[in-house]
PDB file of N, CA and C in Angstrom:
ATOM      1  N   MET A   1      15.098   0.203 112.793  1.00  0.00           N
ATOM      2  CA  MET A   1      15.221  -0.699 111.260  1.00  0.00           C
ATOM      3  C   MET A   1      13.828  -0.819 110.951  1.00  0.00           C
ATOM      4  N   GLU A   2      12.884  -0.018 110.364  1.00  0.00           N
ATOM      5  CA  GLU A   2      11.576   0.262 109.986  1.00  0.00           C
ATOM      6  C   GLU A   2      12.053  -0.259 108.544  1.00  0.00           C
ATOM      7  N   GLY A   3      12.957  -0.817 107.717  1.00  0.00           N
ATOM      8  CA  GLY A   3      12.820  -0.849 106.493  1.00  0.00           C
ATOM      9  C   GLY A   3      12.891  -2.448 107.030  1.00  0.00           C
ATOM     10  N   ALA A   4      13.512  -3.023 107.773  1.00  0.00           N
ATOM     11  CA  ALA A   4      13.620  -4.481 107.982  1.00  0.00           C
ATOM     12  C   ALA A   4      12.345  -5.374 108.395  1.00  0.00           C
ATOM     13  N   GLU A   5      11.650  -4.361 109.376  1.00  0.00           N
ATOM     14  CA  GLU A   5      10.170  -4.551 109.246  1.00  0.00           C
ATOM     15  C   GLU A   5       9.327  -4.534 107.863  1.00  0.00           C
ATOM     16  N   THR A   6       9.567  -3.868 106.969  1.00  0.00           N
ATOM     17  CA  THR A   6       8.940  -4.068 105.929  1.00  0.00           C
ATOM     18  C   THR A   6       9.017  -4.879 104.945  1.00  0.00           C
ATOM     19  N   LEU A   7      10.470  -4.986 105.167  1.00  0.00           N
ATOM     20  CA  LEU A   7      10.770  -6.361 104.198  1.00  0.00           C
ATOM     21  C   LEU A   7       9.682  -7.402 104.792  1.00  0.00           C
ATOM     22  N   LEU A   8       9.991  -8.028 106.366  1.00  0.00           N
ATOM     23  CA  LEU A   8       9.991  -8.811 106.752  1.00  0.00           C
ATOM     24  C   LEU A   8       8.223  -9.195 106.652  1.00  0.00           C
ATOM     25  N   LEU A   9       7.674  -7.822 106.444  1.00  0.00           N
ATOM     26  CA  LEU A   9       5.793  -8.072 106.239  1.00  0.00           C
ATOM     27  C   LEU A   9       6.156  -8.314 104.691  1.00  0.00           C
ATOM     28  N   PHE A  10       6.585  -7.784 104.062  1.00  0.00           N
ATOM     29  CA  PHE A  10       6.506  -8.412 102.478  1.00  0.00           C
ATOM     30  C   PHE A  10       6.469  -9.736 102.409  1.00  0.00           C
ATOM     31  N   SER A  11       7.574 -10.376 102.517  1.00  0.00           N
ATOM     32  CA  SER A  11       8.206 -11.347 102.424  1.00  0.00           C
ATOM     33  C   SER A  11       7.366 -12.619 103.169  1.00  0.00           C
ATOM     34  N   THR A  12       6.496 -12.193 103.995  1.00  0.00           N
ATOM     35  CA  THR A  12       5.795 -13.175 104.652  1.00  0.00           C
ATOM     36  C   THR A  12       4.020 -13.114 104.288  1.00  0.00           C
ATOM     37  N   ARG A  13       3.555 -12.408 103.542  1.00  0.00           N
ATOM     38  CA  ARG A  13       2.460 -12.328 103.512  1.00  0.00           C
ATOM     39  C   ARG A  13       2.079 -13.516 102.469  1.00  0.00           C
ATOM     40  N   LYS A  14       0.652 -13.388 102.362  1.00  0.00           N
ATOM     41  CA  LYS A  14       0.564 -14.989 101.838  1.00  0.00           C
ATOM     42  C   LYS A  14       0.426 -14.380 100.112  1.00  0.00           C
ATOM     43  N   GLY A  15       0.760 -15.256  99.365  1.00  0.00           N
ATOM     44  CA  GLY A  15       1.217 -15.743  98.187  1.00  0.00           C
ATOM     45  C   GLY A  15       2.078 -14.776  97.713  1.00  0.00           C
ATOM     46  N   ALA A  16       3.049 -14.198  98.334  1.00  0.00           N
ATOM     47  CA  ALA A  16       4.279 -13.654  98.134  1.00  0.00           C
ATOM     48  C   ALA A  16       5.285 -14.390  97.305  1.00  0.00           C
ATOM     49  N   GLY A  17       5.779 -13.759  96.119  1.00  0.00           N
ATOM     50  CA  GLY A  17       6.696 -14.041  94.964  1.00  0.00           C
ATOM     51  C   GLY A  17       5.530 -15.312  94.041  1.00  0.00           C
ATOM     52  N   LYS A  18       4.492 -15.203  94.175  1.00  0.00           N
ATOM     53  CA  LYS A  18       3.632 -16.204  93.392  1.00  0.00           C
ATOM     54  C   LYS A  18       3.395 -15.321  92.215  1.00  0.00           C
ATOM     55  N   MET A  19       3.675 -16.123  91.038  1.00  0.00           N
ATOM     56  CA  MET A  19       3.768 -15.860  89.500  1.00  0.00           C
ATOM     57  C   MET A  19       3.548 -16.569  88.697  1.00  0.00           C
ATOM     58  N   ILE A  20       2.399 -16.399  87.615  1.00  0.00           N
ATOM     59  CA  ILE A  20       1.733 -16.640  86.653  1.00  0.00           C
ATOM     60  C   ILE A  20       1.762 -16.160  85.116  1.00  0.00           C
ATOM     61  N   PHE A  21       2.722 -16.839  84.566  1.00  0.00           N
ATOM     62  CA  PHE A  21       2.734 -16.468  83.192  1.00  0.00           C
ATOM     63  C   PHE A  21       1.891 -16.774  82.354  1.00  0.00           C
ATOM     64  N   THR A  22       1.200 -15.848  81.275  1.00  0.00           N
ATOM     65  CA  THR A  22       0.083 -15.863  80.328  1.00  0.00           C
ATOM     66  C   THR A  22       0.345 -15.617  78.945  1.00  0.00           C
ATOM     67  N   CYS A  23      -0.473 -15.785  78.270  1.00  0.00           N
ATOM     68  CA  CYS A  23      -0.414 -15.606  77.162  1.00  0.00           C
ATOM     69  C   CYS A  23      -1.516 -14.020  77.196  1.00  0.00           C
ATOM     70  N   GLU A  24      -1.788 -13.899  76.165  1.00  0.00           N
ATOM     71  CA  GLU A  24      -3.106 -12.554  76.259  1.00  0.00           C
ATOM     72  C   GLU A  24      -4.511 -12.973  76.329  1.00  0.00           C
ATOM     73  N   GLU A  25      -4.648 -14.364  75.689  1.00  0.00           N
ATOM     74  CA  GLU A  25      -6.450 -14.873  75.618  1.00  0.00           C
ATOM     75  C   GLU A  25      -6.428 -15.731  77.141  1.00  0.00           C
ATOM     76  N   HIS A  26      -5.609 -15.888  77.998  1.00  0.00           N
ATOM     77  CA  HIS A  26      -5.390 -16.469  79.782  1.00  0.00           C
ATOM     78  C   HIS A  26      -5.349 -15.442  80.354  1.00  0.00           C
ATOM     79  N   ILE A  27      -4.838 -14.459  80.322  1.00  0.00           N
ATOM     80  CA  ILE A  27      -4.839 -12.913  81.418  1.00  0.00           C
ATOM     81  C   ILE A  27      -6.045 -13.120  82.656  1.00  0.00           C
ATOM     82  N   ASP A  28      -7.309 -13.245  82.040  1.00  0.00           N
ATOM     83  CA  ASP A  28      -8.381 -13.032  83.001  1.00  0.00           C
ATOM     84  C   ASP A  28      -8.156 -14.216  83.983  1.00  0.00           C
ATOM     85  N   ILE A  29      -7.824 -15.389  83.297  1.00  0.00           N
ATOM     86  CA  ILE A  29      -8.233 -16.367  84.049  1.00  0.00           C
ATOM     87  C   ILE A  29      -6.821 -16.445  84.961  1.00  0.00           C
ATOM     88  N   ALA A  30      -5.696 -15.700  84.723  1.00  0.00           N
ATOM     89  CA  ALA A  30      -4.376 -15.773  85.702  1.00  0.00           C
ATOM     90  C   ALA A  30      -4.789 -15.359  86.768  1.00  0.00           C
ATOM     91  N   ILE A  31      -5.718 -13.955  86.404  1.00  0.00           N
ATOM     92  CA  ILE A  31      -5.667 -12.987  87.686  1.00  0.00           C
ATOM     93  C   ILE A  31      -6.689 -13.666  88.927  1.00  0.00           C
ATOM     94  N   ASP A  32      -7.961 -13.771  88.091  1.00  0.00           N
ATOM     95  CA  ASP A  32      -9.112 -14.823  88.923  1.00  0.00           C
ATOM     96  C   ASP A  32      -8.101 -15.738  90.047  1.00  0.00           C
ATOM     97  N   GLU A  33      -7.310 -16.644  89.158  1.00  0.00           N
ATOM     98  CA  GLU A  33      -6.106 -17.581  90.025  1.00  0.00           C
ATOM     99  C   GLU A  33      -5.752 -17.105  90.971  1.00  0.00           C
ATOM    100  N   TYR A  34      -4.983 -15.774  90.615  1.00  0.00           N
ATOM    101  CA  TYR A  34      -3.821 -15.392  91.769  1.00  0.00           C
ATOM    102  C   TYR A  34      -5.027 -14.723  93.052  1.00  0.00           C
ATOM    103  N   VAL A  35      -5.778 -14.075  92.453  1.00  0.00           N
ATOM    104  CA  VAL A  35      -6.925 -13.522  93.400  1.00  0.00           C
ATOM    105  C   VAL A  35      -7.382 -14.350  94.490  1.00  0.00           C
ATOM    106  N   ASP A  36      -7.720 -15.894  94.067  1.00  0.00           N
ATOM    107  CA  ASP A  36      -8.634 -16.843  94.631  1.00  0.00           C
ATOM    108  C   ASP A  36      -7.964 -17.402  95.804  1.00  0.00           C
ATOM    109  N   GLU A  37      -6.164 -17.535  94.599  1.00  0.00           N
ATOM    110  CA  GLU A  37      -5.355 -18.094  95.805  1.00  0.00           C
ATOM    111  C   GLU A  37      -4.696 -17.083  96.992  1.00  0.00           C
ATOM    112  N   THR A  38      -4.615 -15.900  96.294  1.00  0.00           N
ATOM    113  CA  THR A  38      -3.356 -14.807  97.509  1.00  0.00           C
ATOM    114  C   THR A  38      -4.902 -13.899  98.294  1.00  0.00           C
ATOM    115  N   GLU A  39      -5.837 -13.666  98.006  1.00  0.00           N
ATOM    116  CA  GLU A  39      -7.013 -12.634  98.094  1.00  0.00           C
ATOM    117  C   GLU A  39      -6.584 -11.169  98.357  1.00  0.00           C
ATOM    118  N   GLN A  40      -5.519 -10.836  97.251  1.00  0.00           N
ATOM    119  CA  GLN A  40      -5.018  -9.884  97.097  1.00  0.00           C
ATOM    120  C   GLN A  40      -4.715  -9.918  95.684  1.00  0.00           C
ATOM    121  N   ALA A  41      -5.250  -8.368  95.059  1.00  0.00           N
ATOM    122  CA  ALA A  41      -4.734  -8.060  93.588  1.00  0.00           C
ATOM    123  C   ALA A  41      -3.042  -8.179  93.375  1.00  0.00           C
ATOM    124  N   PRO A  42      -3.061  -8.419  92.115  1.00  0.00           N
ATOM    125  CA  PRO A  42      -1.822  -9.182  91.824  1.00  0.00           C
ATOM    126  C   PRO A  42      -1.060  -7.613  90.689  1.00  0.00           C
ATOM    127  N   ASP A  43      -0.005  -8.023  90.985  1.00  0.00           N
ATOM    128  CA  ASP A  43       0.927  -6.887  89.738  1.00  0.00           C
ATOM    129  C   ASP A  43       0.826  -7.188  88.440  1.00  0.00           C
ATOM    130  N   ILE A  44       0.568  -6.712  86.910  1.00  0.00           N
ATOM    131  CA  ILE A  44       0.639  -7.725  85.782  1.00  0.00           C
ATOM    132  C   ILE A  44       1.575  -6.748  85.346  1.00  0.00           C
ATOM    133  N   ALA A  45       2.699  -7.335  84.444  1.00  0.00           N
ATOM    134  CA  ALA A  45       3.898  -6.564  83.882  1.00  0.00           C
ATOM    135  C   ALA A  45       3.687  -7.543  82.829  1.00  0.00           C
ATOM    136  N   PRO A  46       4.586  -7.093  81.455  1.00  0.00           N
ATOM    137  CA  PRO A  46       4.548  -7.395  80.106  1.00  0.00           C
ATOM    138  C   PRO A  46       5.688  -7.973  80.574  1.00  0.00           C
ATOM    139  N   MET A  47       6.069  -9.439  79.369  1.00  0.00           N
ATOM    140  CA  MET A  47       7.128 -10.029  79.567  1.00  0.00           C
ATOM    141  C   MET A  47       8.491  -9.519  78.491  1.00  0.00           C
ATOM    142  N   ASP A  48       9.639  -8.931  79.320  1.00  0.00           N
ATOM    143  CA  ASP A  48      10.549  -8.685  78.298  1.00  0.00           C
ATOM    144  C   ASP A  48      10.982  -9.822  77.326  1.00  0.00           C
ATOM    145  N   ASN A  49      10.879 -11.016  77.758  1.00  0.00           N
ATOM    146  CA  ASN A  49      11.943 -12.244  76.671  1.00  0.00           C
ATOM    147  C   ASN A  49      10.370 -13.033  76.881  1.00  0.00           C
ATOM    148  N   ASN A  50      10.164 -13.839  75.911  1.00  0.00           N
ATOM    149  CA  ASN A  50       9.400 -14.401  75.330  1.00  0.00           C
ATOM    150  C   ASN A  50       9.670 -15.811  75.135  1.00  0.00           C
ATOM    151  N   GLU A  51      10.571 -16.336  76.123  1.00  0.00           N
ATOM    152  CA  GLU A  51      11.180 -17.503  76.599  1.00  0.00           C
ATOM    153  C   GLU A  51      10.211 -18.168  77.334  1.00  0.00           C
ATOM    154  N   LYS A  52       8.888 -17.638  78.143  1.00  0.00           N
ATOM    155  CA  LYS A  52       8.336 -18.328  79.125  1.00  0.00           C
ATOM    156  C   LYS A  52       7.567 -18.720  78.394  1.00  0.00           C
ATOM    157  N   GLN A  53       6.219 -20.152  78.772  1.00  0.00           N
ATOM    158  CA  GLN A  53       5.171 -20.230  78.280  1.00  0.00           C
ATOM    159  C   GLN A  53       3.932 -20.089  79.199  1.00  0.00           C
ATOM    160  N   CYS A  54       2.907 -19.910  77.774  1.00  0.00           N
ATOM    161  CA  CYS A  54       1.459 -19.887  79.365  1.00  0.00           C
ATOM    162  C   CYS A  54       1.490 -20.811  80.101  1.00  0.00           C
ATOM    163  N   SER A  55       0.975 -20.888  81.196  1.00  0.00           N
ATOM    164  CA  SER A  55       0.841 -21.378  82.281  1.00  0.00           C
ATOM    165  C   SER A  55      -0.782 -22.540  81.951  1.00  0.00           C
ATOM    166  N   PHE A  56      -1.076 -22.083  80.883  1.00  0.00           N
ATOM    167  CA  PHE A  56      -2.500 -22.296  80.901  1.00  0.00           C
ATOM    168  C   PHE A  56      -2.945 -22.881  79.379  1.00  0.00           C
ATOM    169  N   CYS A  57      -1.884 -22.458  78.506  1.00  0.00           N
ATOM    170  CA  CYS A  57      -2.125 -23.514  76.939  1.00  0.00           C
ATOM    171  C   CYS A  57      -0.176 -23.351  76.438  1.00  0.00           C
ATOM    172  N   GLU A  58      -0.330 -23.795  74.909  1.00  0.00           N
ATOM    173  CA  GLU A  58       1.294 -24.192  74.718  1.00  0.00           C
ATOM    174  C   GLU A  58       1.877 -22.295  73.714  1.00  0.00           C
ATOM    175  N   LYS A  59       1.183 -21.613  73.781  1.00  0.00           N
ATOM    176  CA  LYS A  59       1.595 -20.284  73.591  1.00  0.00           C
ATOM    177  C   LYS A  59       2.638 -19.692  74.623  1.00  0.00           C
ATOM    178  N   LYS A  60       3.204 -18.730  73.549  1.00  0.00           N
ATOM    179  CA  LYS A  60       4.348 -17.789  74.650  1.00  0.00           C
ATOM    180  C   LYS A  60       3.698 -16.789  75.414  1.00  0.00           C
ATOM    181  N   ALA A  61       4.152 -16.572  76.692  1.00  0.00           N
ATOM    182  CA  ALA A  61       4.007 -16.117  77.841  1.00  0.00           C
ATOM    183  C   ALA A  61       3.949 -14.667  77.396  1.00  0.00           C
ATOM    184  N   VAL A  62       3.122 -13.477  77.661  1.00  0.00           N
ATOM    185  CA  VAL A  62       2.931 -11.881  76.977  1.00  0.00           C
ATOM    186  C   VAL A  62       2.873 -11.167  78.422  1.00  0.00           C
ATOM    187  N   TYR A  63       2.565 -12.110  79.842  1.00  0.00           N
ATOM    188  CA  TYR A  63       2.405 -10.833  80.587  1.00  0.00           C
ATOM    189  C   TYR A  63       2.862 -12.283  81.411  1.00  0.00           C
ATOM    190  N   VAL A  64       3.405 -11.675  83.181  1.00  0.00           N
ATOM    191  CA  VAL A  64       3.442 -12.481  84.386  1.00  0.00           C
ATOM    192  C   VAL A  64       2.401 -11.598  85.203  1.00  0.00           C
ATOM    193  N   VAL A  65       1.773 -12.422  86.156  1.00  0.00           N
ATOM    194  CA  VAL A  65       1.054 -11.770  86.619  1.00  0.00           C
ATOM    195  C   VAL A  65       0.952 -12.463  88.370  1.00  0.00           C
ATOM    196  N   GLY A  66       1.694 -11.459  89.025  1.00  0.00           N
ATOM    197  CA  GLY A  66       2.060 -11.941  90.630  1.00  0.00           C
ATOM    198  C   GLY A  66       2.541 -10.748  91.234  1.00  0.00           C
ATOM    199  N   ASN A  67       3.532 -10.632  92.046  1.00  0.00           N
ATOM    200  CA  ASN A  67       4.206  -9.808  92.955  1.00  0.00           C
ATOM    201  C   ASN A  67       5.544 -10.078  93.151  1.00  0.00           C
TER     202      ASN A  67
END
């Protein structure tokens, strides 16, 4: 059950599931916050829909930082 062990390790790692929505202006702050809290490098992906708001201001989010 190697796949099950891998899934368990992924789901229990520090910061698993944390996501920060951010605009272009605040991407650096989002990355810093994620690394400070999880001690890991985040995945960064463009947002497909613009319904989410930036975690740091009133603008629409264009990136999601997390894993």
